[in-house]
C-alpha atoms as a PDB file:
ATOM      1  CA  MET A   1     105.186 117.776  91.404  1.00  0.00           C
ATOM      2  CA  ASN A   2     102.915 120.175  89.444  1.00  0.00           C
ATOM      3  CA  THR A   3      99.372 120.167  90.964  1.00  0.00           C
ATOM      4  CA  VAL A   4      98.129 119.575  94.515  1.00  0.00           C
ATOM      5  CA  ILE A   5      94.380 119.765  95.558  1.00  0.00           C
ATOM      6  CA  VAL A   6      93.261 120.584  99.059  1.00  0.00           C
ATOM      7  CA  PRO A   7      89.460 120.130  99.708  1.00  0.00           C
ATOM      8  CA  VAL A   8      88.187 122.780 102.065  1.00  0.00           C
ATOM      9  CA  ASP A   9      84.850 122.765 103.994  1.00  0.00           C
ATOM     10  CA  PHE A  10      86.074 125.470 106.351  1.00  0.00           C
ATOM     11  CA  SER A  11      86.175 123.153 109.299  1.00  0.00           C
ATOM     12  CA  ASP A  12      89.239 123.408 111.614  1.00  0.00           C
ATOM     13  CA  THR A  13      90.464 120.118 110.231  1.00  0.00           C
ATOM     14  CA  SER A  14      90.355 121.177 106.536  1.00  0.00           C
ATOM     15  CA  LEU A  15      91.908 124.579 107.314  1.00  0.00           C
ATOM     16  CA  ASN A  16      94.764 122.882 109.166  1.00  0.00           C
ATOM     17  CA  ALA A  17      95.240 120.553 106.120  1.00  0.00           C
ATOM     18  CA  ALA A  18      95.543 123.588 103.907  1.00  0.00           C
ATOM     19  CA  GLU A  19      98.109 125.219 106.216  1.00  0.00           C
ATOM     20  CA  TYR A  20     100.022 121.950 106.345  1.00  0.00           C
ATOM     21  CA  ALA A  21      99.965 121.861 102.517  1.00  0.00           C
ATOM     22  CA  ALA A  22     101.406 125.374 102.280  1.00  0.00           C
ATOM     23  CA  ASN A  23     104.249 124.584 104.602  1.00  0.00           C
ATOM     24  CA  PHE A  24     104.822 121.193 102.874  1.00  0.00           C
ATOM     25  CA  LEU A  25     105.115 122.886  99.501  1.00  0.00           C
ATOM     26  CA  ALA A  26     107.206 125.846 100.595  1.00  0.00           C
ATOM     27  CA  GLY A  27     110.021 126.352  98.199  1.00  0.00           C
ATOM     28  CA  HIS A  28     108.305 124.377  95.348  1.00  0.00           C
ATOM     29  CA  TYR A  29     107.428 127.441  93.354  1.00  0.00           C
ATOM     30  CA  GLY A  30     106.301 125.688  90.255  1.00  0.00           C
ATOM     31  CA  VAL A  31     103.448 123.843  92.094  1.00  0.00           C
ATOM     32  CA  GLU A  32      99.875 124.917  91.645  1.00  0.00           C
ATOM     33  CA  LEU A  33      97.877 124.495  94.918  1.00  0.00           C
ATOM     34  CA  ILE A  34      94.046 124.257  94.231  1.00  0.00           C
ATOM     35  CA  LEU A  35      91.837 125.124  97.212  1.00  0.00           C
ATOM     36  CA  TYR A  36      88.614 123.306  96.380  1.00  0.00           C
ATOM     37  CA  HIS A  37      85.158 123.809  97.965  1.00  0.00           C
ATOM     38  CA  CYS A  38      82.154 121.832  96.947  1.00  0.00           C
ATOM     39  CA  TYR A  39      78.643 122.456  98.278  1.00  0.00           C
ATOM     40  CA  GLU A  40      75.198 120.960  97.855  1.00  0.00           C
ATOM     41  CA  MET A  41      72.503 123.073  96.322  1.00  0.00           C
ATOM     42  CA  ASP A  42      70.552 123.458  99.535  1.00  0.00           C
ATOM     43  CA  PHE A  43      73.532 124.253 101.638  1.00  0.00           C
ATOM     44  CA  GLY A  44      75.541 126.624  99.511  1.00  0.00           C
ATOM     45  CA  ASP A  45      77.787 129.030 101.303  1.00  0.00           C
ATOM     46  CA  VAL A  46      77.346 132.493  99.701  1.00  0.00           C
ATOM     47  CA  ASN A  47      80.654 133.493 101.273  1.00  0.00           C
ATOM     48  CA  ALA A  48      82.642 130.504 100.186  1.00  0.00           C
ATOM     49  CA  LEU A  49      84.683 132.265  97.540  1.00  0.00           C
ATOM     50  CA  GLU A  50      85.447 135.086  99.887  1.00  0.00           C
ATOM     51  CA  ASN A  51      86.441 132.721 102.657  1.00  0.00           C
ATOM     52  CA  LEU A  52      88.728 130.882 100.203  1.00  0.00           C
ATOM     53  CA  GLU A  53      90.284 134.206  99.268  1.00  0.00           C
ATOM     54  CA  ASN A  54      90.946 134.837 102.915  1.00  0.00           C
ATOM     55  CA  LEU A  55      92.459 131.470 103.290  1.00  0.00           C
ATOM     56  CA  LYS A  56      94.593 132.000 100.248  1.00  0.00           C
ATOM     57  CA  ASN A  57      95.927 135.233 101.771  1.00  0.00           C
ATOM     58  CA  ARG A  58      96.853 133.389 104.976  1.00  0.00           C
ATOM     59  CA  LEU A  59      98.699 130.746 103.096  1.00  0.00           C
ATOM     60  CA  LEU A  60     100.526 133.277 101.072  1.00  0.00           C
ATOM     61  CA  ASP A  61     101.805 134.816 104.297  1.00  0.00           C
ATOM     62  CA  ILE A  62     103.437 131.382 104.875  1.00  0.00           C
ATOM     63  CA  THR A  63     105.097 130.996 101.541  1.00  0.00           C
ATOM     64  CA  PRO A  64     104.716 132.282  97.922  1.00  0.00           C
ATOM     65  CA  LEU A  65     102.684 129.747  96.000  1.00  0.00           C
ATOM     66  CA  LYS A  66     100.566 129.690  92.944  1.00  0.00           C
ATOM     67  CA  ILE A  67      97.133 129.232  94.496  1.00  0.00           C
ATOM     68  CA  THR A  68      93.901 128.616  92.515  1.00  0.00           C
ATOM     69  CA  LEU A  69      90.453 128.869  94.041  1.00  0.00           C
ATOM     70  CA  LEU A  70      87.523 126.703  92.921  1.00  0.00           C
ATOM     71  CA  VAL A  71      83.963 126.513  94.226  1.00  0.00           C
ATOM     72  CA  GLU A  72      81.348 124.428  92.715  1.00  0.00           C
ATOM     73  CA  GLN A  73      77.965 122.924  93.465  1.00  0.00           C
ATOM     74  CA  SER A  74      77.369 119.118  93.472  1.00  0.00           C
ATOM     75  CA  GLU A  75      75.622 116.545  95.522  1.00  0.00           C
ATOM     76  CA  ASP A  76      78.483 114.104  95.098  1.00  0.00           C
ATOM     77  CA  PHE A  77      81.614 115.713  96.495  1.00  0.00           C
ATOM     78  CA  LEU A  78      83.924 112.716  95.982  1.00  0.00           C
ATOM     79  CA  ASP A  79      82.882 112.194  92.426  1.00  0.00           C
ATOM     80  CA  GLU A  80      83.544 115.908  91.596  1.00  0.00           C
ATOM     81  CA  LEU A  81      86.873 115.782  93.460  1.00  0.00           C
ATOM     82  CA  GLU A  82      88.026 112.726  91.517  1.00  0.00           C
ATOM     83  CA  LYS A  83      86.991 114.347  88.229  1.00  0.00           C
ATOM     84  CA  LEU A  84      88.995 117.475  89.138  1.00  0.00           C
ATOM     85  CA  ALA A  85      92.041 115.407  90.081  1.00  0.00           C
ATOM     86  CA  ARG A  86      91.961 113.584  86.715  1.00  0.00           C
ATOM     87  CA  HIS A  87      91.156 116.757  84.686  1.00  0.00           C
ATOM     88  CA  ARG A  88      93.962 118.695  86.288  1.00  0.00           C
ATOM     89  CA  GLN A  89      96.284 115.694  86.333  1.00  0.00           C
ATOM     90  CA  ALA A  90      96.873 116.252  90.051  1.00  0.00           C
ATOM     91  CA  ASP A  91      99.927 114.695  91.666  1.00  0.00           C
ATOM     92  CA  LEU A  92      98.508 114.660  95.100  1.00  0.00           C
ATOM     93  CA  VAL A  93      95.336 115.364  97.166  1.00  0.00           C
ATOM     94  CA  ILE A  94      96.021 116.573 100.687  1.00  0.00           C
ATOM     95  CA  MET A  95      92.996 116.158 103.012  1.00  0.00           C
ATOM     96  CA  GLY A  96      92.516 116.401 106.706  1.00  0.00           C
ATOM     97  CA  ILE A  97      91.012 113.738 108.998  1.00  0.00           C
ATOM     98  CA  THR A  98      89.477 114.161 112.432  1.00  0.00           C
ATOM     99  CA  GLY A  99      88.833 111.878 115.313  1.00  0.00           C
ATOM    100  CA  GLY A 100      85.356 113.524 115.405  1.00  0.00           C
ATOM    101  CA  LYS A 101      84.727 116.567 117.397  1.00  0.00           C
ATOM    102  CA  SER A 102      81.282 116.436 115.952  1.00  0.00           C
ATOM    103  CA  ARG A 103      79.362 113.730 114.092  1.00  0.00           C
ATOM    104  CA  ALA A 104      79.020 115.983 111.023  1.00  0.00           C
ATOM    105  CA  GLU A 105      82.726 116.872 110.942  1.00  0.00           C
ATOM    106  CA  GLN A 106      83.701 113.139 111.354  1.00  0.00           C
ATOM    107  CA  ARG A 107      81.344 112.156 108.597  1.00  0.00           C
ATOM    108  CA  PHE A 108      82.838 114.628 106.094  1.00  0.00           C
ATOM    109  CA  MET A 109      86.433 114.782 107.134  1.00  0.00           C
ATOM    110  CA  GLY A 110      86.571 111.130 108.197  1.00  0.00           C
ATOM    111  CA  SER A 111      84.469 109.047 105.887  1.00  0.00           C
ATOM    112  CA  ASN A 112      85.269 111.041 102.745  1.00  0.00           C
ATOM    113  CA  THR A 113      88.962 111.115 103.373  1.00  0.00           C
ATOM    114  CA  LEU A 114      89.044 107.379 103.795  1.00  0.00           C
ATOM    115  CA  LYS A 115      86.882 106.855 100.729  1.00  0.00           C
ATOM    116  CA  LEU A 116      89.157 109.026  98.658  1.00  0.00           C
ATOM    117  CA  ALA A 117      92.192 107.116  99.909  1.00  0.00           C
ATOM    118  CA  ASP A 118      90.405 104.008  98.570  1.00  0.00           C
ATOM    119  CA  ASN A 119      90.701 105.293  94.997  1.00  0.00           C
ATOM    120  CA  LYS A 120      93.238 103.630  92.695  1.00  0.00           C
ATOM    121  CA  TYR A 121      94.667 106.547  90.657  1.00  0.00           C
ATOM    122  CA  ILE A 122      95.926 109.343  92.739  1.00  0.00           C
ATOM    123  CA  PRO A 123      98.110 109.458  95.983  1.00  0.00           C
ATOM    124  CA  VAL A 124      96.303 110.963  99.080  1.00  0.00           C
ATOM    125  CA  LEU A 125      98.124 112.636 101.895  1.00  0.00           C
ATOM    126  CA  ILE A 126      95.992 112.336 105.071  1.00  0.00           C
ATOM    127  CA  VAL A 127      96.817 115.010 107.633  1.00  0.00           C
ATOM    128  CA  PRO A 128      95.678 114.338 111.191  1.00  0.00           C
ATOM    129  CA  GLU A 129      93.656 117.096 112.747  1.00  0.00           C
ATOM    130  CA  ASP A 130      96.417 118.225 115.231  1.00  0.00           C
ATOM    131  CA  SER A 131      99.343 117.611 112.935  1.00  0.00           C
ATOM    132  CA  LYS A 132     101.573 120.649 112.153  1.00  0.00           C
ATOM    133  CA  TYR A 133     104.288 120.649 109.534  1.00  0.00           C
ATOM    134  CA  THR A 134     107.741 121.072 111.227  1.00  0.00           C
ATOM    135  CA  GLY A 135     109.880 119.822 108.357  1.00  0.00           C
ATOM    136  CA  MET A 136     110.358 116.505 106.727  1.00  0.00           C
ATOM    137  CA  LYS A 137     113.352 114.267 107.018  1.00  0.00           C
ATOM    138  CA  ASN A 138     112.303 110.707 107.715  1.00  0.00           C
ATOM    139  CA  VAL A 139     109.702 108.740 105.848  1.00  0.00           C
ATOM    140  CA  LEU A 140     108.469 105.242 106.799  1.00  0.00           C
ATOM    141  CA  LEU A 141     107.348 102.859 104.058  1.00  0.00           C
ATOM    142  CA  ALA A 142     105.040 100.092 105.499  1.00  0.00           C
ATOM    143  CA  THR A 143     104.975  96.892 103.458  1.00  0.00           C
ATOM    144  CA  ASP A 144     103.668  93.433 103.815  1.00  0.00           C
ATOM    145  CA  LEU A 145     106.635  92.084 101.734  1.00  0.00           C
ATOM    146  CA  LYS A 146     104.417  90.316  99.321  1.00  0.00           C
ATOM    147  CA  ASP A 147     105.396  90.423  95.594  1.00  0.00           C
ATOM    148  CA  VAL A 148     107.076  93.858  96.128  1.00  0.00           C
ATOM    149  CA  VAL A 149     108.112  94.378  92.402  1.00  0.00           C
ATOM    150  CA  SER A 150     104.452  94.262  91.309  1.00  0.00           C
ATOM    151  CA  THR A 151     102.832  95.814  94.281  1.00  0.00           C
ATOM    152  CA  VAL A 152     105.040  98.596  95.572  1.00  0.00           C
ATOM    153  CA  PRO A 153     104.634 101.584  93.283  1.00  0.00           C
ATOM    154  CA  SER A 154     108.275 102.833  93.178  1.00  0.00           C
ATOM    155  CA  VAL A 155     107.650 105.822  90.873  1.00  0.00           C
ATOM    156  CA  PRO A 156     105.372 107.988  93.281  1.00  0.00           C
ATOM    157  CA  VAL A 157     107.433 106.885  96.237  1.00  0.00           C
ATOM    158  CA  LYS A 158     110.774 107.859  94.618  1.00  0.00           C
ATOM    159  CA  LYS A 159     109.224 111.088  93.463  1.00  0.00           C
ATOM    160  CA  ILE A 160     108.410 112.023  97.104  1.00  0.00           C
ATOM    161  CA  LEU A 161     111.833 110.867  98.353  1.00  0.00           C
ATOM    162  CA  LYS A 162     113.730 112.863  95.673  1.00  0.00           C
ATOM    163  CA  GLU A 163     111.622 116.001  95.831  1.00  0.00           C
ATOM    164  CA  PHE A 164     111.945 116.327  99.511  1.00  0.00           C
ATOM    165  CA  GLN A 165     115.397 114.627  99.980  1.00  0.00           C
ATOM    166  CA  LEU A 166     113.994 112.147 102.598  1.00  0.00           C
ATOM    167  CA  SER A 167     115.680 109.328 104.438  1.00  0.00           C
ATOM    168  CA  LEU A 168     113.840 106.080 103.804  1.00  0.00           C
ATOM    169  CA  HIS A 169     112.877 103.559 106.516  1.00  0.00           C
ATOM    170  CA  ILE A 170     111.044 100.388 105.520  1.00  0.00           C
ATOM    171  CA  ILE A 171     109.115  98.383 108.052  1.00  0.00           C
ATOM    172  CA  ASN A 172     107.389  95.046 108.078  1.00  0.00           C
ATOM    173  CA  VAL A 173     105.245  93.955 111.007  1.00  0.00           C
ATOM    174  CA  ASN A 174     104.486  90.270 111.220  1.00  0.00           C
ATOM    175  CA  GLU A 175     103.774  88.049 114.202  1.00  0.00           C
ATOM    176  CA  ASP A 176     105.451  85.175 112.433  1.00  0.00           C
ATOM    177  CA  HIS A 177     108.944  86.703 112.316  1.00  0.00           C
ATOM    178  CA  TYR A 178     111.585  84.916 114.364  1.00  0.00           C
ATOM    179  CA  ILE A 179     115.275  85.504 114.851  1.00  0.00           C
ATOM    180  CA  ALA A 180     116.023  85.278 111.102  1.00  0.00           C
ATOM    181  CA  LEU A 181     113.858  86.104 108.115  1.00  0.00           C
ATOM    182  CA  SER A 182     112.457  83.239 106.047  1.00  0.00           C
ATOM    183  CA  GLU A 183     113.958  82.701 102.594  1.00  0.00           C
ATOM    184  CA  GLU A 184     110.809  84.307 101.092  1.00  0.00           C
ATOM    185  CA  TYR A 185     111.010  87.504 103.154  1.00  0.00           C
ATOM    186  CA  GLU A 186     114.763  87.760 102.595  1.00  0.00           C
ATOM    187  CA  GLY A 187     114.132  87.604  98.824  1.00  0.00           C
ATOM    188  CA  GLU A 188     111.516  90.290  98.927  1.00  0.00           C
ATOM    189  CA  LYS A 189     113.772  92.399 101.089  1.00  0.00           C
ATOM    190  CA  LYS A 190     116.612  92.187  98.568  1.00  0.00           C
ATOM    191  CA  LYS A 191     114.210  93.282  95.795  1.00  0.00           C
ATOM    192  CA  LEU A 192     113.225  96.363  97.761  1.00  0.00           C
ATOM    193  CA  GLU A 193     116.979  97.104  98.479  1.00  0.00           C
ATOM    194  CA  THR A 194     117.548  97.021  94.705  1.00  0.00           C
ATOM    195  CA  MET A 195     114.450  99.107  93.948  1.00  0.00           C
ATOM    196  CA  PHE A 196     115.383 101.850  96.357  1.00  0.00           C
ATOM    197  CA  ALA A 197     119.213 101.435  96.347  1.00  0.00           C
ATOM    198  CA  GLU A 198     119.832 105.169  95.599  1.00  0.00           C
ATOM    199  CA  PHE A 199     118.116 106.072  98.957  1.00  0.00           C
ATOM    200  CA  PHE A 200     120.055 103.609 101.161  1.00  0.00           C
ATOM    201  CA  PRO A 201     116.896 102.301 102.908  1.00  0.00           C
ATOM    202  CA  GLN A 202     117.047 101.047 106.429  1.00  0.00           C
ATOM    203  CA  PHE A 203     114.961  97.965 107.201  1.00  0.00           C
ATOM    204  CA  TYR A 204     113.034  97.005 110.391  1.00  0.00           C
ATOM    205  CA  PHE A 205     111.210  93.700 111.008  1.00  0.00           C
ATOM    206  CA  LEU A 206     108.932  93.645 114.090  1.00  0.00           C
ATOM    207  CA  ARG A 207     107.393  90.451 115.469  1.00  0.00           C
ATOM    208  CA  LEU A 208     104.112  91.922 116.699  1.00  0.00           C
ATOM    209  CA  PHE A 209     100.430  91.188 116.144  1.00  0.00           C
ATOM    210  CA  ASP A 210      98.998  94.729 116.268  1.00  0.00           C
ATOM    211  CA  VAL A 211     100.374  96.219 113.056  1.00  0.00           C
ATOM    212  CA  GLU A 212      98.823  99.632 113.485  1.00  0.00           C
ATOM    213  CA  GLU A 213     100.009 100.068 117.028  1.00  0.00           C
ATOM    214  CA  ALA A 214     103.473  98.966 116.079  1.00  0.00           C
ATOM    215  CA  ILE A 215     103.701 101.383 113.198  1.00  0.00           C
ATOM    216  CA  ASN A 216     102.495 104.293 115.381  1.00  0.00           C
ATOM    217  CA  GLN A 217     104.985 103.442 118.152  1.00  0.00           C
ATOM    218  CA  PHE A 218     107.824 103.062 115.620  1.00  0.00           C
ATOM    219  CA  ALA A 219     106.962 106.349 114.003  1.00  0.00           C
ATOM    220  CA  SER A 220     107.067 108.058 117.345  1.00  0.00           C
ATOM    221  CA  ASP A 221     110.386 106.432 118.474  1.00  0.00           C
ATOM    222  CA  LYS A 222     112.178 107.144 115.189  1.00  0.00           C
ATOM    223  CA  SER A 223     110.841 110.644 114.625  1.00  0.00           C
ATOM    224  CA  ILE A 224     109.111 109.725 111.406  1.00  0.00           C
ATOM    225  CA  ASP A 225     107.600 112.733 109.553  1.00  0.00           C
ATOM    226  CA  LEU A 226     105.567 110.721 106.962  1.00  0.00           C
ATOM    227  CA  ILE A 227     104.156 107.203 106.842  1.00  0.00           C
ATOM    228  CA  ILE A 228     103.664 105.743 103.355  1.00  0.00           C
ATOM    229  CA  THR A 229     101.244 102.810 102.957  1.00  0.00           C
ATOM    230  CA  VAL A 230     100.505 100.962  99.723  1.00  0.00           C
ATOM    231  CA  HIS A 231      96.880 100.520  98.919  1.00  0.00           C
ATOM    232  CA  ARG A 232      96.367  96.885  97.935  1.00  0.00           C
ATOM    233  CA  GLU A 233      93.195  94.854  97.494  1.00  0.00           C
ATOM    234  CA  HIS A 234      93.005  92.005 100.027  1.00  0.00           C
ATOM    235  CA  SER A 235      96.173  93.180 101.832  1.00  0.00           C
ATOM    236  CA  ILE A 236      96.467  94.114 105.450  1.00  0.00           C
ATOM    237  CA  PHE A 237      96.972  97.715 104.518  1.00  0.00           C
ATOM    238  CA  HIS A 238      93.766  97.783 102.522  1.00  0.00           C
ATOM    239  CA  LYS A 239      92.053  96.820 105.748  1.00  0.00           C
ATOM    240  CA  LEU A 240      93.362  99.890 107.409  1.00  0.00           C
ATOM    241  CA  PHE A 241      90.616 101.829 105.682  1.00  0.00           C
ATOM    242  CA  ILE A 242      87.655  99.390 105.940  1.00  0.00           C
ATOM    243  CA  ASN A 243      87.920  97.708 109.308  1.00  0.00           C
ATOM    244  CA  SER A 244      86.775  99.705 112.360  1.00  0.00           C
ATOM    245  CA  HIS A 245      89.458  98.317 114.697  1.00  0.00           C
ATOM    246  CA  THR A 246      92.281  99.234 112.208  1.00  0.00           C
ATOM    247  CA  LYS A 247      91.034 102.739 111.396  1.00  0.00           C
ATOM    248  CA  LYS A 248      92.977 103.996 114.379  1.00  0.00           C
ATOM    249  CA  LEU A 249      96.119 104.326 112.232  1.00  0.00           C
ATOM    250  CA  ALA A 250      94.318 106.931 110.158  1.00  0.00           C
ATOM    251  CA  PHE A 251      92.286 108.466 112.950  1.00  0.00           C
ATOM    252  CA  GLN A 252      94.746 108.454 115.870  1.00  0.00           C
ATOM    253  CA  SER A 253      98.183 108.797 114.183  1.00  0.00           C
ATOM    254  CA  LYS A 254      99.835 112.137 114.757  1.00  0.00           C
ATOM    255  CA  VAL A 255     101.972 111.428 111.673  1.00  0.00           C
ATOM    256  CA  PRO A 256     100.521 112.234 108.175  1.00  0.00           C
ATOM    257  CA  LEU A 257      99.793 109.175 105.993  1.00  0.00           C
ATOM    258  CA  LEU A 258     100.587 109.052 102.274  1.00  0.00           C
ATOM    259  CA  VAL A 259      98.448 106.408 100.584  1.00  0.00           C
ATOM    260  CA  VAL A 260      99.810 105.230  97.182  1.00  0.00           C
ATOM    261  CA  HIS A 261      98.454 102.527  94.942  1.00  0.00           C
ATOM    262  CA  GLU A 262      99.965  99.422  93.461  1.00  0.00           C
END
């Protein structure tokens, strides 16, 4: 991992995401952490660079990191962020999300975070507003077990697993599961076992209807530190970011979500 971007609007949510990022990257001395603030022309913060400098100093008190500050004006925050990520060949964007202490904060740190996660080229780590980094041991990969060879992006997932030496748990939630897996599901499971063989993955199959509630409860029960979901068009996990009743996984989970793309 070489470059990580953290958008900052100086809300509590974004500041918490920046602090999470610093702790998350502690010990990874070759990583450049970019603190990025984008403002509209009519609402420019004359103290933005100074405030970013203060934030940088706070993060350096946590761990020594290479931190770059970037402030720019634009009326299209997401477009500029995506351009920055491509230009810097960023490995990851870390962005906070809030349940909405205010409508303005929810609009920026909720809507924009979910829209960014809907992109197709860079992993996005979504940090819940009250989430604090306390170490990372267990990661949960949520999958619908559909054509896993083509749809599960093994490269970014393995990169995270190797870099942070994580234990891999793989979960599939489906109301149609019975005592034994169908031949189709068993075949897809074996493909995942081969794909991630070096990490000795543990598999879990839950026969439940509410996917998001099941994942959150499992994450709590198993002390999961990070949930990985695969962004797929027309899949159940794509709906996590477009359907109001399923947004609760992103908005209510206390566990950070890493969104990767097929």
